[in-house]
Amino acid sequence: MQTNVSTLLREFPKVKRAALRGERVVVKTREGNLVILAESPPERNLLGSMRGTFIETKADLSAPTLPETAWNPSL
């Protein structure tokens, strides 16, 4: 996409959407051309702000955690 400074200022949302879509936006000025490119966002991690909170364990989390006597009905 090519534009000039006045169009950039007047139609900034349109130019911004084009850059975010991955288009190369060239702004023609008297001093030279300016290029606007959108940076891709950093990769998001599933843990995010919880990083370092969880600990790694070798315990079998699918096995029962209580002894069998705790599973007897108490009626």
Protein backbone atom coordinates (compact mmCIF):
# COMPACT_ATOMS: atom_id res chain seq x y z
CA MET A 1 0.00 0.00 0.00
CA GLN A 2 1.26 3.47 -0.82
CA THR A 3 0.03 6.64 0.80
CA ASN A 4 1.12 10.16 1.65
CA VAL A 5 1.34 11.95 5.00
CA SER A 6 -2.02 13.72 4.77
CA THR A 7 -3.82 10.48 3.86
CA LEU A 8 -1.97 8.67 6.65
CA LEU A 9 -3.23 11.22 9.17
CA ARG A 10 -6.75 11.34 7.72
CA GLU A 11 -7.21 7.57 7.29
CA PHE A 12 -4.93 6.16 9.98
CA PRO A 13 -7.27 3.28 11.02
CA LYS A 14 -7.33 2.02 7.40
CA VAL A 15 -3.53 2.24 7.10
CA LYS A 16 -3.07 0.56 10.49
CA ARG A 17 -5.34 -2.35 9.48
CA ALA A 18 -3.34 -2.81 6.29
CA ALA A 19 -0.06 -2.93 8.24
CA LEU A 20 -1.52 -5.38 10.76
CA ARG A 21 -2.65 -7.63 7.89
CA GLY A 22 0.99 -7.89 6.91
CA GLU A 23 1.01 -5.37 4.09
CA ARG A 24 4.01 -3.12 3.60
CA VAL A 25 2.80 0.49 3.86
CA VAL A 26 4.97 3.08 2.09
CA VAL A 27 4.42 6.71 3.10
CA LYS A 28 5.78 9.10 0.48
CA THR A 29 7.23 12.31 1.92
CA ARG A 30 9.33 15.17 0.50
CA GLU A 31 12.33 13.92 2.45
CA GLY A 32 11.98 10.31 1.33
CA ASN A 33 9.80 7.27 1.75
CA LEU A 34 8.87 5.83 5.13
CA VAL A 35 7.90 2.20 5.50
CA ILE A 36 5.44 0.96 8.12
CA LEU A 37 5.53 -2.73 8.98
CA ALA A 38 3.72 -4.44 11.84
CA GLU A 39 5.81 -6.58 14.17
CA SER A 40 4.41 -9.97 14.96
CA PRO A 41 3.43 -10.26 18.62
CA PRO A 42 5.70 -12.33 20.85
CA GLU A 43 4.69 -15.95 21.25
CA ARG A 44 2.29 -16.32 24.15
CA ASN A 45 2.96 -19.01 26.71
CA LEU A 46 0.18 -21.03 28.26
CA LEU A 47 1.44 -20.40 31.80
CA GLY A 48 1.85 -16.65 31.33
CA SER A 49 2.08 -14.93 34.70
CA MET A 50 1.95 -18.28 36.54
CA ARG A 51 5.43 -19.22 35.29
CA GLY A 52 7.58 -20.44 38.14
CA THR A 53 4.57 -21.09 40.39
CA PHE A 54 4.16 -24.75 39.48
CA ILE A 55 6.77 -27.31 40.39
CA GLU A 56 7.69 -30.40 38.46
CA THR A 57 7.03 -33.65 40.29
CA LYS A 58 7.56 -37.30 39.49
CA ALA A 59 4.44 -38.35 41.43
CA ASP A 60 1.81 -40.31 39.53
CA LEU A 61 -1.09 -37.87 39.53
CA SER A 62 -3.47 -40.48 38.08
CA ALA A 63 -3.09 -42.77 41.13
CA PRO A 64 -5.29 -42.42 44.24
CA THR A 65 -3.89 -40.08 46.89
CA LEU A 66 -5.79 -41.55 49.85
CA PRO A 67 -5.36 -45.03 51.37
CA GLU A 68 -8.06 -47.60 50.58
CA THR A 69 -9.46 -47.41 54.14
CA ALA A 70 -10.48 -43.80 53.49
CA TRP A 71 -12.82 -44.95 50.70
CA ASN A 72 -15.05 -47.06 52.97
CA PRO A 73 -18.60 -45.78 53.34
CA SER A 74 -19.26 -44.24 56.72
CA LEU A 75 -23.06 -44.68 56.96
